[in-house]
């Protein structure tokens, strides 16, 4: 079983659909706490570390083989909280960051929430160091997009994100920093590769959960 930590309920059907397409038989357990993102944006990601650790404890107690944090703002906090635990804790955007670094040295990070930019830029730097590459990361905040999302206008939200991505020309990869942006990828017309995190992140987490299931009877997928 794979546990997912979300900061918006809109992610639940997205990951359920990806599971059905790519990982049939994998059981998901969703933990949703919208307040985590609000507090992280107001007080900094470290302010929610205790609450994130509590979710990890619950996931362990319910038999999860791995945990996937789908919020880029608190992804590093989740990884840190998972250090030393018996189950792997992954952030959804790390596989995407590795792919962006491999695409070339010019990476544009598109975000709708300012608090997401710094963690994503830091993640790209980590992956560049790991790969022995140099990258130049340019953040791009989409004004007004998050207000649309919070008002429930998700179609308008992804259109705004797609338009911002299409305006980028001098890049080797465009990173959609938030999992909620994934649908925008299908609306873009730019020739620059546009990367979204949900499918890549779920694949990595599913692999980790299955490995944990193979290692012992109390955790795993498809049970």
N, C-alpha and C. Protein backbone atom coordinates (compact mmCIF):
# COMPACT_ATOMS: atom_id res chain seq x y z
N UNK A 1 0.84 -1.19 0.00
CA UNK A 1 0.00 0.00 0.00
C UNK A 1 0.88 1.25 0.00
N UNK A 2 0.48 2.22 -0.80
CA UNK A 2 1.20 3.49 -0.89
C UNK A 2 0.34 4.58 -0.27
N UNK A 3 0.91 5.33 0.67
CA UNK A 3 0.22 6.48 1.26
C UNK A 3 0.64 7.75 0.53
N UNK A 4 -0.30 8.65 0.34
CA UNK A 4 -0.02 9.92 -0.32
C UNK A 4 -0.44 11.06 0.59
N UNK A 5 0.43 12.03 0.76
CA UNK A 5 0.14 13.21 1.56
C UNK A 5 -0.14 14.37 0.60
N UNK A 6 -1.37 14.87 0.64
CA UNK A 6 -1.80 15.96 -0.23
C UNK A 6 -2.12 17.21 0.59
N UNK A 7 -1.99 18.37 -0.05
CA UNK A 7 -2.45 19.61 0.58
C UNK A 7 -3.67 20.17 -0.15
N UNK A 8 -4.26 19.39 -1.03
CA UNK A 8 -5.53 19.75 -1.67
C UNK A 8 -6.25 18.48 -2.07
N UNK A 9 -7.58 18.44 -1.91
CA UNK A 9 -8.32 17.25 -2.30
C UNK A 9 -8.37 17.03 -3.80
N UNK A 10 -8.04 18.05 -4.61
CA UNK A 10 -8.10 17.88 -6.06
C UNK A 10 -7.08 16.85 -6.54
N UNK A 11 -6.05 16.58 -5.73
CA UNK A 11 -5.03 15.63 -6.15
C UNK A 11 -5.51 14.18 -6.07
N UNK A 12 -6.49 13.92 -5.25
CA UNK A 12 -6.93 12.53 -5.04
C UNK A 12 -7.38 11.88 -6.35
N UNK A 13 -8.33 12.47 -7.09
CA UNK A 13 -8.75 11.82 -8.34
C UNK A 13 -7.64 11.76 -9.39
N UNK A 14 -6.72 12.73 -9.37
CA UNK A 14 -5.60 12.72 -10.32
C UNK A 14 -4.74 11.48 -10.11
N UNK A 15 -4.38 11.22 -8.86
CA UNK A 15 -3.50 10.09 -8.59
C UNK A 15 -4.25 8.76 -8.67
N UNK A 16 -5.54 8.78 -8.37
CA UNK A 16 -6.32 7.56 -8.56
C UNK A 16 -6.38 7.19 -10.04
N UNK A 17 -6.54 8.19 -10.90
CA UNK A 17 -6.59 7.92 -12.34
C UNK A 17 -5.26 7.40 -12.84
N UNK A 18 -4.17 8.00 -12.38
CA UNK A 18 -2.84 7.53 -12.79
C UNK A 18 -2.57 6.11 -12.29
N UNK A 19 -3.03 5.83 -11.07
CA UNK A 19 -2.87 4.48 -10.53
C UNK A 19 -3.60 3.47 -11.42
N UNK A 20 -4.85 3.82 -11.80
CA UNK A 20 -5.63 2.91 -12.63
C UNK A 20 -4.97 2.67 -13.99
N UNK A 21 -4.35 3.71 -14.54
CA UNK A 21 -3.72 3.60 -15.85
C UNK A 21 -2.39 2.84 -15.80
N UNK A 22 -1.58 3.18 -14.80
CA UNK A 22 -0.19 2.72 -14.80
C UNK A 22 0.13 1.63 -13.78
N UNK A 23 -0.64 1.59 -12.68
CA UNK A 23 -0.28 0.68 -11.58
C UNK A 23 -1.52 -0.04 -11.03
N UNK A 24 -2.24 -0.75 -11.88
CA UNK A 24 -3.42 -1.46 -11.37
C UNK A 24 -3.01 -2.47 -10.30
N UNK A 25 -3.81 -2.52 -9.26
CA UNK A 25 -3.51 -3.41 -8.15
C UNK A 25 -2.80 -2.73 -7.01
N UNK A 26 -2.26 -1.54 -7.25
CA UNK A 26 -1.60 -0.79 -6.17
C UNK A 26 -2.66 -0.10 -5.32
N UNK A 27 -2.66 -0.37 -4.05
CA UNK A 27 -3.64 0.27 -3.16
C UNK A 27 -3.10 1.59 -2.65
N UNK A 28 -3.92 2.63 -2.73
CA UNK A 28 -3.53 3.97 -2.28
C UNK A 28 -4.31 4.35 -1.03
N UNK A 29 -3.64 5.07 -0.13
CA UNK A 29 -4.29 5.66 1.05
C UNK A 29 -3.96 7.14 1.02
N UNK A 30 -5.00 7.98 0.94
CA UNK A 30 -4.81 9.42 0.79
C UNK A 30 -4.97 10.15 2.12
N UNK A 31 -4.00 10.97 2.45
CA UNK A 31 -4.08 11.87 3.59
C UNK A 31 -4.12 13.30 3.05
N UNK A 32 -5.19 14.03 3.34
CA UNK A 32 -5.36 15.38 2.81
C UNK A 32 -5.42 16.38 3.96
N UNK A 33 -4.54 17.39 3.91
CA UNK A 33 -4.54 18.45 4.93
C UNK A 33 -4.23 19.77 4.23
N UNK A 34 -5.28 20.52 3.90
CA UNK A 34 -5.11 21.79 3.19
C UNK A 34 -4.40 22.84 4.04
N UNK A 35 -4.52 22.73 5.35
CA UNK A 35 -3.92 23.72 6.22
C UNK A 35 -2.39 23.68 6.18
N UNK A 36 -1.82 22.55 5.82
CA UNK A 36 -0.37 22.45 5.76
C UNK A 36 0.22 23.47 4.79
N UNK A 37 -0.38 23.60 3.61
CA UNK A 37 0.14 24.53 2.62
C UNK A 37 -0.06 25.97 3.06
N UNK A 38 -1.23 26.26 3.65
CA UNK A 38 -1.47 27.62 4.12
C UNK A 38 -0.45 28.03 5.17
N UNK A 39 -0.21 27.14 6.12
CA UNK A 39 0.75 27.46 7.18
C UNK A 39 2.18 27.51 6.66
N UNK A 40 2.51 26.61 5.75
CA UNK A 40 3.86 26.62 5.19
C UNK A 40 4.12 27.89 4.41
N UNK A 41 3.10 28.37 3.70
CA UNK A 41 3.25 29.62 2.96
C UNK A 41 3.36 30.82 3.87
N UNK A 42 2.69 30.76 5.00
CA UNK A 42 2.69 31.90 5.93
C UNK A 42 3.92 31.90 6.83
N UNK A 43 4.28 30.73 7.36
CA UNK A 43 5.31 30.64 8.39
C UNK A 43 6.59 29.94 7.94
N UNK A 44 6.58 29.40 6.72
CA UNK A 44 7.73 28.65 6.23
C UNK A 44 7.47 27.16 6.35
N UNK A 45 8.03 26.35 5.44
CA UNK A 45 7.77 24.90 5.44
C UNK A 45 8.12 24.20 6.75
N UNK A 46 9.17 24.64 7.42
CA UNK A 46 9.58 23.96 8.65
C UNK A 46 8.51 24.04 9.74
N UNK A 47 7.60 25.00 9.61
CA UNK A 47 6.55 25.18 10.63
C UNK A 47 5.59 24.00 10.68
N UNK A 48 5.54 23.21 9.61
CA UNK A 48 4.60 22.09 9.58
C UNK A 48 5.30 20.74 9.76
N UNK A 49 6.56 20.76 10.13
CA UNK A 49 7.33 19.51 10.23
C UNK A 49 6.70 18.52 11.20
N UNK A 50 6.23 19.01 12.33
CA UNK A 50 5.64 18.11 13.33
C UNK A 50 4.39 17.44 12.77
N UNK A 51 3.56 18.19 12.06
CA UNK A 51 2.32 17.63 11.51
C UNK A 51 2.62 16.63 10.40
N UNK A 52 3.62 16.93 9.59
CA UNK A 52 4.01 15.99 8.54
C UNK A 52 4.50 14.68 9.16
N UNK A 53 5.31 14.78 10.22
CA UNK A 53 5.79 13.58 10.90
C UNK A 53 4.63 12.76 11.46
N UNK A 54 3.58 13.45 11.93
CA UNK A 54 2.42 12.74 12.46
C UNK A 54 1.71 11.95 11.36
N UNK A 55 1.65 12.51 10.15
CA UNK A 55 1.05 11.79 9.03
C UNK A 55 1.88 10.55 8.70
N UNK A 56 3.19 10.69 8.73
CA UNK A 56 4.05 9.54 8.46
C UNK A 56 3.83 8.44 9.49
N UNK A 57 3.66 8.83 10.75
CA UNK A 57 3.39 7.84 11.79
C UNK A 57 2.09 7.09 11.52
N UNK A 58 1.08 7.84 11.08
CA UNK A 58 -0.21 7.20 10.77
C UNK A 58 -0.07 6.25 9.59
N UNK A 59 0.72 6.67 8.59
CA UNK A 59 0.92 5.82 7.42
C UNK A 59 1.59 4.51 7.81
N UNK A 60 2.59 4.61 8.68
CA UNK A 60 3.27 3.40 9.15
C UNK A 60 2.29 2.50 9.89
N UNK A 61 1.48 3.10 10.76
CA UNK A 61 0.55 2.31 11.57
C UNK A 61 -0.51 1.62 10.73
N UNK A 62 -0.80 2.19 9.54
CA UNK A 62 -1.81 1.60 8.65
C UNK A 62 -1.20 0.65 7.63
N UNK A 63 0.12 0.44 7.73
CA UNK A 63 0.74 -0.57 6.89
C UNK A 63 1.26 -0.10 5.56
N UNK A 64 1.49 1.20 5.40
CA UNK A 64 2.02 1.71 4.13
C UNK A 64 3.43 1.19 3.88
N UNK A 65 3.71 0.89 2.62
CA UNK A 65 5.06 0.48 2.25
C UNK A 65 5.93 1.67 1.91
N UNK A 66 5.31 2.80 1.55
CA UNK A 66 6.02 4.02 1.21
C UNK A 66 5.04 5.18 1.31
N UNK A 67 5.58 6.40 1.38
CA UNK A 67 4.75 7.60 1.41
C UNK A 67 5.22 8.53 0.31
N UNK A 68 4.27 9.10 -0.42
CA UNK A 68 4.58 10.09 -1.46
C UNK A 68 3.95 11.42 -1.06
N UNK A 69 4.78 12.45 -0.90
CA UNK A 69 4.28 13.80 -0.64
C UNK A 69 4.06 14.49 -1.97
N UNK A 70 2.83 14.90 -2.25
CA UNK A 70 2.50 15.49 -3.55
C UNK A 70 2.56 17.01 -3.55
N UNK A 71 2.96 17.61 -2.45
CA UNK A 71 3.06 19.06 -2.35
C UNK A 71 4.52 19.49 -2.45
N UNK A 72 4.85 20.28 -3.46
CA UNK A 72 6.24 20.70 -3.67
C UNK A 72 6.74 21.62 -2.55
N UNK A 73 5.85 22.40 -1.98
CA UNK A 73 6.26 23.33 -0.93
C UNK A 73 6.82 22.60 0.28
N UNK A 74 6.20 21.49 0.66
CA UNK A 74 6.63 20.77 1.86
C UNK A 74 7.35 19.46 1.54
N UNK A 75 7.73 19.28 0.28
CA UNK A 75 8.38 18.03 -0.10
C UNK A 75 9.67 17.77 0.66
N UNK A 76 10.49 18.81 0.81
CA UNK A 76 11.76 18.64 1.53
C UNK A 76 11.51 18.33 3.01
N UNK A 77 10.47 18.92 3.57
CA UNK A 77 10.12 18.64 4.97
C UNK A 77 9.72 17.18 5.12
N UNK A 78 8.94 16.68 4.16
CA UNK A 78 8.52 15.28 4.22
C UNK A 78 9.72 14.34 4.10
N UNK A 79 10.62 14.64 3.19
CA UNK A 79 11.82 13.81 3.05
C UNK A 79 12.63 13.80 4.34
N UNK A 80 12.79 14.98 4.94
CA UNK A 80 13.56 15.08 6.18
C UNK A 80 12.87 14.31 7.31
N UNK A 81 11.54 14.42 7.38
CA UNK A 81 10.79 13.71 8.42
C UNK A 81 10.88 12.20 8.23
N UNK A 82 11.09 11.78 6.98
CA UNK A 82 11.17 10.35 6.71
C UNK A 82 12.52 9.74 6.99
N UNK A 83 13.53 10.58 7.19
CA UNK A 83 14.88 10.06 7.42
C UNK A 83 14.90 9.20 8.68
N UNK A 84 15.45 8.01 8.57
CA UNK A 84 15.55 7.12 9.72
C UNK A 84 14.32 6.30 9.99
N UNK A 85 13.24 6.50 9.19
CA UNK A 85 12.04 5.70 9.39
C UNK A 85 12.14 4.39 8.62
N UNK A 86 11.25 3.49 8.95
CA UNK A 86 11.31 2.15 8.36
C UNK A 86 10.76 2.11 6.94
N UNK A 87 10.14 3.19 6.48
CA UNK A 87 9.57 3.19 5.14
C UNK A 87 10.11 4.36 4.35
N UNK A 88 10.26 4.24 3.03
CA UNK A 88 10.75 5.36 2.22
C UNK A 88 9.70 6.46 2.10
N UNK A 89 10.16 7.71 2.16
CA UNK A 89 9.30 8.88 1.99
C UNK A 89 9.83 9.66 0.79
N UNK A 90 9.00 9.80 -0.22
CA UNK A 90 9.42 10.44 -1.47
C UNK A 90 8.65 11.72 -1.70
N UNK A 91 9.27 12.65 -2.39
CA UNK A 91 8.57 13.86 -2.83
C UNK A 91 8.24 13.71 -4.31
N UNK A 92 7.08 14.14 -4.70
CA UNK A 92 6.56 13.85 -6.04
C UNK A 92 7.39 14.50 -7.14
N UNK A 93 8.08 15.60 -6.82
CA UNK A 93 8.75 16.36 -7.87
C UNK A 93 10.21 15.99 -8.09
N UNK A 94 10.76 15.07 -7.31
CA UNK A 94 12.18 14.76 -7.48
C UNK A 94 12.47 14.06 -8.83
N UNK A 95 11.69 13.06 -9.25
CA UNK A 95 11.96 12.48 -10.57
C UNK A 95 11.83 13.51 -11.70
N UNK A 96 10.88 14.42 -11.58
CA UNK A 96 10.73 15.48 -12.58
C UNK A 96 11.95 16.38 -12.61
N UNK A 97 12.48 16.71 -11.44
CA UNK A 97 13.66 17.56 -11.37
C UNK A 97 14.86 16.89 -12.02
N UNK A 98 15.01 15.60 -11.80
CA UNK A 98 16.11 14.86 -12.42
C UNK A 98 15.99 14.88 -13.95
N UNK A 99 14.76 14.74 -14.44
CA UNK A 99 14.55 14.77 -15.89
C UNK A 99 14.83 16.16 -16.46
N UNK A 100 14.46 17.19 -15.72
CA UNK A 100 14.71 18.56 -16.17
C UNK A 100 16.20 18.85 -16.27
N UNK A 101 16.95 18.41 -15.28
CA UNK A 101 18.39 18.62 -15.27
C UNK A 101 19.04 17.90 -16.45
N UNK A 102 18.54 16.72 -16.76
CA UNK A 102 19.09 15.96 -17.88
C UNK A 102 18.78 16.61 -19.23
N UNK A 103 17.72 17.42 -19.30
CA UNK A 103 17.32 18.04 -20.56
C UNK A 103 18.27 19.14 -21.01
N UNK A 104 18.92 19.80 -20.06
CA UNK A 104 19.82 20.88 -20.43
C UNK A 104 20.00 21.88 -19.30
N UNK A 105 20.89 22.86 -19.50
CA UNK A 105 21.25 23.76 -18.40
C UNK A 105 20.27 24.88 -18.11
N UNK A 106 19.31 25.14 -19.02
CA UNK A 106 18.37 26.25 -18.82
C UNK A 106 17.00 25.70 -18.44
N UNK A 107 16.63 25.90 -17.19
CA UNK A 107 15.37 25.37 -16.67
C UNK A 107 14.51 26.51 -16.14
N UNK A 108 13.28 26.55 -16.58
CA UNK A 108 12.31 27.53 -16.08
C UNK A 108 11.33 26.82 -15.16
N UNK A 109 11.13 27.37 -13.98
CA UNK A 109 10.20 26.80 -13.00
C UNK A 109 8.94 27.66 -12.97
N UNK A 110 7.82 27.08 -13.35
CA UNK A 110 6.54 27.78 -13.36
C UNK A 110 5.78 27.40 -12.09
N UNK A 111 5.34 28.40 -11.35
CA UNK A 111 4.60 28.16 -10.10
C UNK A 111 3.47 29.17 -9.97
N UNK A 112 2.44 28.78 -9.25
CA UNK A 112 1.33 29.69 -8.97
C UNK A 112 1.36 30.18 -7.54
N UNK A 113 2.16 29.51 -6.69
CA UNK A 113 2.30 29.89 -5.28
C UNK A 113 3.77 30.21 -5.04
N UNK A 114 4.03 31.39 -4.51
CA UNK A 114 5.41 31.83 -4.35
C UNK A 114 6.21 30.90 -3.43
N UNK A 115 5.54 30.33 -2.42
CA UNK A 115 6.25 29.47 -1.46
C UNK A 115 6.77 28.19 -2.11
N UNK A 116 6.29 27.89 -3.32
CA UNK A 116 6.75 26.69 -4.01
C UNK A 116 8.06 26.92 -4.75
N UNK A 117 8.37 28.16 -5.08
CA UNK A 117 9.52 28.43 -5.93
C UNK A 117 10.85 28.05 -5.27
N UNK A 118 11.09 28.52 -4.06
CA UNK A 118 12.38 28.26 -3.41
C UNK A 118 12.64 26.76 -3.22
N UNK A 119 11.67 25.97 -2.72
CA UNK A 119 11.92 24.53 -2.59
C UNK A 119 12.19 23.84 -3.92
N UNK A 120 11.53 24.29 -4.98
CA UNK A 120 11.73 23.65 -6.28
C UNK A 120 13.09 24.02 -6.86
N UNK A 121 13.48 25.28 -6.73
CA UNK A 121 14.80 25.69 -7.19
C UNK A 121 15.89 24.93 -6.43
N UNK A 122 15.71 24.80 -5.13
CA UNK A 122 16.69 24.06 -4.32
C UNK A 122 16.76 22.60 -4.76
N UNK A 123 15.62 22.00 -5.06
CA UNK A 123 15.59 20.61 -5.51
C UNK A 123 16.34 20.44 -6.83
N UNK A 124 16.14 21.37 -7.76
CA UNK A 124 16.84 21.31 -9.04
C UNK A 124 18.34 21.42 -8.84
N UNK A 125 18.75 22.27 -7.91
CA UNK A 125 20.18 22.39 -7.61
C UNK A 125 20.73 21.08 -7.05
N UNK A 126 19.97 20.44 -6.17
CA UNK A 126 20.38 19.14 -5.61
C UNK A 126 20.57 18.10 -6.71
N UNK A 127 19.59 18.03 -7.61
CA UNK A 127 19.65 17.04 -8.68
C UNK A 127 20.78 17.35 -9.67
N UNK A 128 21.05 18.63 -9.88
CA UNK A 128 22.16 19.02 -10.75
C UNK A 128 23.49 18.60 -10.13
N UNK A 129 23.62 18.83 -8.84
CA UNK A 129 24.85 18.41 -8.15
C UNK A 129 25.02 16.90 -8.21
N UNK A 130 23.92 16.19 -8.02
CA UNK A 130 23.96 14.73 -8.04
C UNK A 130 24.38 14.21 -9.42
N UNK A 131 23.94 14.90 -10.46
CA UNK A 131 24.25 14.48 -11.83
C UNK A 131 25.56 15.05 -12.34
N UNK A 132 26.17 15.93 -11.55
CA UNK A 132 27.41 16.57 -11.99
C UNK A 132 27.20 17.54 -13.13
N UNK A 133 26.04 18.22 -13.12
CA UNK A 133 25.71 19.17 -14.18
C UNK A 133 25.53 20.57 -13.60
N UNK A 134 25.61 21.55 -14.47
CA UNK A 134 25.31 22.92 -14.08
C UNK A 134 23.97 23.32 -14.69
N UNK A 135 23.16 23.98 -13.90
CA UNK A 135 21.88 24.47 -14.41
C UNK A 135 21.69 25.93 -14.02
N UNK A 136 20.98 26.63 -14.87
CA UNK A 136 20.54 28.00 -14.57
C UNK A 136 19.02 27.95 -14.46
N UNK A 137 18.54 28.19 -13.27
CA UNK A 137 17.11 28.06 -13.01
C UNK A 137 16.47 29.45 -12.96
N UNK A 138 15.40 29.61 -13.73
CA UNK A 138 14.68 30.89 -13.73
C UNK A 138 13.26 30.65 -13.22
N UNK A 139 12.90 31.27 -12.10
CA UNK A 139 11.53 31.11 -11.59
C UNK A 139 10.54 32.00 -12.34
N UNK A 140 9.35 31.48 -12.52
CA UNK A 140 8.28 32.22 -13.20
C UNK A 140 6.99 32.03 -12.42
N UNK A 141 6.56 33.08 -11.73
CA UNK A 141 5.32 33.05 -10.96
C UNK A 141 4.17 33.52 -11.85
N UNK A 142 3.10 32.75 -11.90
CA UNK A 142 1.94 33.08 -12.75
C UNK A 142 0.96 33.92 -11.94
N UNK A 143 0.88 35.22 -12.19
CA UNK A 143 0.02 36.07 -11.36
C UNK A 143 -1.46 35.73 -11.54
N UNK A 144 -2.16 35.68 -10.42
CA UNK A 144 -3.60 35.45 -10.45
C UNK A 144 -4.03 34.01 -10.60
N UNK A 145 -3.10 33.12 -10.95
CA UNK A 145 -3.50 31.74 -11.20
C UNK A 145 -3.99 31.05 -9.94
N UNK A 146 -3.29 31.25 -8.83
CA UNK A 146 -3.68 30.55 -7.60
C UNK A 146 -5.03 31.03 -7.09
N UNK A 147 -5.35 32.28 -7.33
CA UNK A 147 -6.67 32.79 -6.94
C UNK A 147 -7.76 32.04 -7.70
N UNK A 148 -7.52 31.75 -8.95
CA UNK A 148 -8.47 30.95 -9.73
C UNK A 148 -8.61 29.55 -9.13
N UNK A 149 -7.47 28.95 -8.79
CA UNK A 149 -7.50 27.61 -8.22
C UNK A 149 -8.32 27.59 -6.92
N UNK A 150 -8.04 28.54 -6.05
CA UNK A 150 -8.74 28.58 -4.76
C UNK A 150 -10.23 28.86 -4.93
N UNK A 151 -10.60 29.53 -6.01
CA UNK A 151 -12.01 29.82 -6.27
C UNK A 151 -12.72 28.65 -6.95
N UNK A 152 -11.95 27.60 -7.25
CA UNK A 152 -12.54 26.43 -7.89
C UNK A 152 -12.52 26.45 -9.41
N UNK A 153 -11.90 27.47 -9.99
CA UNK A 153 -11.82 27.58 -11.44
C UNK A 153 -10.56 26.86 -11.91
N UNK A 154 -10.56 25.54 -11.84
CA UNK A 154 -9.36 24.80 -12.19
C UNK A 154 -9.08 24.85 -13.69
N UNK A 155 -10.13 24.98 -14.51
CA UNK A 155 -9.90 25.10 -15.95
C UNK A 155 -9.17 26.40 -16.27
N UNK A 156 -9.63 27.49 -15.66
CA UNK A 156 -8.95 28.77 -15.86
C UNK A 156 -7.53 28.75 -15.32
N UNK A 157 -7.36 28.04 -14.22
CA UNK A 157 -6.04 27.91 -13.60
C UNK A 157 -5.05 27.25 -14.55
N UNK A 158 -5.42 26.11 -15.10
CA UNK A 158 -4.48 25.41 -15.98
C UNK A 158 -4.29 26.16 -17.29
N UNK A 159 -5.30 26.89 -17.76
CA UNK A 159 -5.11 27.71 -18.96
C UNK A 159 -4.08 28.81 -18.71
N UNK A 160 -4.15 29.45 -17.55
CA UNK A 160 -3.18 30.48 -17.22
C UNK A 160 -1.76 29.91 -17.15
N UNK A 161 -1.65 28.74 -16.55
CA UNK A 161 -0.34 28.09 -16.44
C UNK A 161 0.19 27.73 -17.81
N UNK A 162 -0.66 27.17 -18.65
CA UNK A 162 -0.23 26.80 -20.01
C UNK A 162 0.21 28.02 -20.80
N UNK A 163 -0.52 29.12 -20.65
CA UNK A 163 -0.16 30.35 -21.37
C UNK A 163 1.20 30.85 -20.90
N UNK A 164 1.47 30.77 -19.62
CA UNK A 164 2.76 31.20 -19.09
C UNK A 164 3.88 30.32 -19.63
N UNK A 165 3.64 29.03 -19.71
CA UNK A 165 4.65 28.11 -20.24
C UNK A 165 4.90 28.39 -21.72
N UNK A 166 3.84 28.67 -22.46
CA UNK A 166 3.99 28.91 -23.89
C UNK A 166 4.76 30.19 -24.19
N UNK A 167 4.80 31.10 -23.22
CA UNK A 167 5.54 32.35 -23.42
C UNK A 167 7.04 32.18 -23.23
N UNK A 168 7.45 31.02 -22.72
CA UNK A 168 8.87 30.75 -22.48
C UNK A 168 9.51 30.24 -23.76
N UNK A 169 10.62 30.84 -24.15
CA UNK A 169 11.32 30.40 -25.36
C UNK A 169 12.76 29.99 -25.10
N UNK A 170 13.43 30.67 -24.19
CA UNK A 170 14.86 30.43 -23.97
C UNK A 170 15.08 29.45 -22.83
N UNK A 171 14.68 28.20 -23.03
CA UNK A 171 14.83 27.18 -21.99
C UNK A 171 15.00 25.81 -22.63
N UNK A 172 15.64 24.92 -21.89
CA UNK A 172 15.77 23.53 -22.31
C UNK A 172 14.66 22.66 -21.71
N UNK A 173 14.06 23.13 -20.62
CA UNK A 173 12.96 22.42 -19.98
C UNK A 173 12.14 23.41 -19.17
N UNK A 174 10.85 23.16 -19.13
CA UNK A 174 9.94 23.94 -18.30
C UNK A 174 9.36 23.00 -17.26
N UNK A 175 9.53 23.35 -16.01
CA UNK A 175 9.05 22.54 -14.89
C UNK A 175 7.76 23.14 -14.35
N UNK A 176 6.70 22.36 -14.33
CA UNK A 176 5.46 22.77 -13.67
C UNK A 176 5.59 22.39 -12.20
N UNK A 177 5.84 23.38 -11.36
CA UNK A 177 6.31 23.11 -10.01
C UNK A 177 5.28 22.45 -9.10
N UNK A 178 4.00 22.62 -9.41
CA UNK A 178 2.96 22.09 -8.54
C UNK A 178 2.21 20.95 -9.23
N UNK A 179 1.91 19.92 -8.47
CA UNK A 179 1.20 18.77 -9.05
C UNK A 179 -0.14 19.17 -9.64
N UNK A 180 -0.76 20.20 -9.09
CA UNK A 180 -2.06 20.66 -9.58
C UNK A 180 -1.98 21.23 -10.98
N UNK A 181 -0.78 21.48 -11.48
CA UNK A 181 -0.60 22.06 -12.80
C UNK A 181 -0.54 21.02 -13.91
N UNK A 182 -0.58 19.76 -13.58
CA UNK A 182 -0.28 18.71 -14.55
C UNK A 182 -1.12 18.81 -15.81
N UNK A 183 -2.40 19.15 -15.70
CA UNK A 183 -3.27 19.21 -16.88
C UNK A 183 -2.82 20.29 -17.85
N UNK A 184 -2.11 21.31 -17.36
CA UNK A 184 -1.66 22.38 -18.23
C UNK A 184 -0.68 21.87 -19.28
N UNK A 185 0.03 20.83 -18.96
CA UNK A 185 1.01 20.27 -19.89
C UNK A 185 0.37 19.90 -21.22
N UNK A 186 -0.86 19.38 -21.17
CA UNK A 186 -1.55 18.97 -22.39
C UNK A 186 -2.11 20.14 -23.18
N UNK A 187 -2.11 21.33 -22.58
CA UNK A 187 -2.64 22.52 -23.26
C UNK A 187 -1.54 23.35 -23.90
N UNK A 188 -0.30 23.06 -23.58
CA UNK A 188 0.80 23.88 -24.09
C UNK A 188 1.09 23.57 -25.56
N UNK A 189 1.64 24.58 -26.25
CA UNK A 189 2.01 24.41 -27.65
C UNK A 189 3.49 24.70 -27.87
N UNK A 190 4.21 25.05 -26.83
CA UNK A 190 5.62 25.37 -26.94
C UNK A 190 6.44 24.16 -27.40
N UNK A 191 7.54 24.44 -28.06
CA UNK A 191 8.44 23.36 -28.47
C UNK A 191 9.39 22.95 -27.35
N UNK A 192 9.42 23.72 -26.27
CA UNK A 192 10.26 23.40 -25.11
C UNK A 192 9.58 22.27 -24.33
N UNK A 193 10.32 21.24 -23.94
CA UNK A 193 9.71 20.17 -23.14
C UNK A 193 9.10 20.71 -21.84
N UNK A 194 7.85 20.34 -21.59
CA UNK A 194 7.14 20.75 -20.37
C UNK A 194 6.97 19.53 -19.49
N UNK A 195 7.46 19.61 -18.26
CA UNK A 195 7.47 18.46 -17.36
C UNK A 195 6.50 18.66 -16.20
N UNK A 196 5.74 17.62 -15.91
CA UNK A 196 4.82 17.62 -14.77
C UNK A 196 5.19 16.46 -13.85
N UNK A 197 4.87 16.62 -12.59
CA UNK A 197 5.38 15.68 -11.59
C UNK A 197 4.52 14.45 -11.28
N UNK A 198 3.19 14.48 -11.39
CA UNK A 198 2.40 13.37 -10.83
C UNK A 198 2.75 11.98 -11.37
N UNK A 199 2.80 11.80 -12.68
CA UNK A 199 3.04 10.46 -13.21
C UNK A 199 4.43 9.96 -12.85
N UNK A 200 5.45 10.81 -13.01
CA UNK A 200 6.82 10.41 -12.69
C UNK A 200 6.96 10.09 -11.20
N UNK A 201 6.37 10.94 -10.36
CA UNK A 201 6.47 10.73 -8.92
C UNK A 201 5.75 9.48 -8.46
N UNK A 202 4.56 9.23 -9.03
CA UNK A 202 3.80 8.04 -8.63
C UNK A 202 4.53 6.77 -9.04
N UNK A 203 5.15 6.78 -10.20
CA UNK A 203 5.89 5.61 -10.65
C UNK A 203 7.03 5.28 -9.69
N UNK A 204 7.77 6.29 -9.28
CA UNK A 204 8.87 6.06 -8.33
C UNK A 204 8.34 5.55 -6.99
N UNK A 205 7.24 6.14 -6.52
CA UNK A 205 6.69 5.74 -5.23
C UNK A 205 6.09 4.35 -5.28
N UNK A 206 5.44 4.02 -6.39
CA UNK A 206 4.87 2.67 -6.54
C UNK A 206 5.98 1.62 -6.50
N UNK A 207 7.09 1.94 -7.15
CA UNK A 207 8.23 1.02 -7.13
C UNK A 207 8.73 0.81 -5.70
N UNK A 208 8.81 1.90 -4.94
CA UNK A 208 9.27 1.81 -3.55
C UNK A 208 8.29 1.02 -2.69
N UNK A 209 6.99 1.24 -2.89
CA UNK A 209 5.99 0.52 -2.10
C UNK A 209 6.01 -0.97 -2.41
N UNK A 210 6.19 -1.30 -3.68
CA UNK A 210 6.22 -2.71 -4.05
C UNK A 210 7.47 -3.40 -3.51
N UNK A 211 8.58 -2.67 -3.52
CA UNK A 211 9.81 -3.23 -2.97
C UNK A 211 9.64 -3.51 -1.48
N UNK A 212 8.97 -2.58 -0.77
CA UNK A 212 8.72 -2.79 0.65
C UNK A 212 7.79 -3.97 0.87
N UNK A 213 6.82 -4.13 -0.02
CA UNK A 213 5.90 -5.26 0.10
C UNK A 213 6.59 -6.59 -0.12
N UNK A 214 7.55 -6.59 -1.04
CA UNK A 214 8.29 -7.83 -1.29
C UNK A 214 9.21 -8.19 -0.14
N UNK A 215 9.60 -7.15 0.65
CA UNK A 215 10.53 -7.38 1.74
C UNK A 215 9.85 -7.91 3.00
N UNK A 216 8.54 -7.73 3.09
CA UNK A 216 7.87 -8.18 4.32
C UNK A 216 6.38 -8.29 4.14
N UNK A 217 5.68 -9.06 4.98
CA UNK A 217 4.25 -9.32 4.81
C UNK A 217 3.36 -8.21 5.28
N UNK A 218 3.87 -7.23 6.04
CA UNK A 218 2.98 -6.24 6.62
C UNK A 218 2.82 -4.99 5.79
N UNK A 219 3.67 -4.83 4.74
CA UNK A 219 3.57 -3.66 3.90
C UNK A 219 3.61 -4.11 2.46
N UNK A 220 2.94 -3.34 1.62
CA UNK A 220 3.06 -3.66 0.21
C UNK A 220 1.88 -3.23 -0.60
N UNK A 221 1.90 -3.56 -1.88
CA UNK A 221 0.89 -3.12 -2.82
C UNK A 221 -0.10 -4.24 -3.12
N UNK A 222 -1.28 -3.78 -3.52
CA UNK A 222 -2.29 -4.72 -4.00
C UNK A 222 -2.86 -5.62 -2.95
N UNK A 223 -2.80 -5.25 -1.70
CA UNK A 223 -3.37 -6.10 -0.66
C UNK A 223 -4.73 -5.57 -0.25
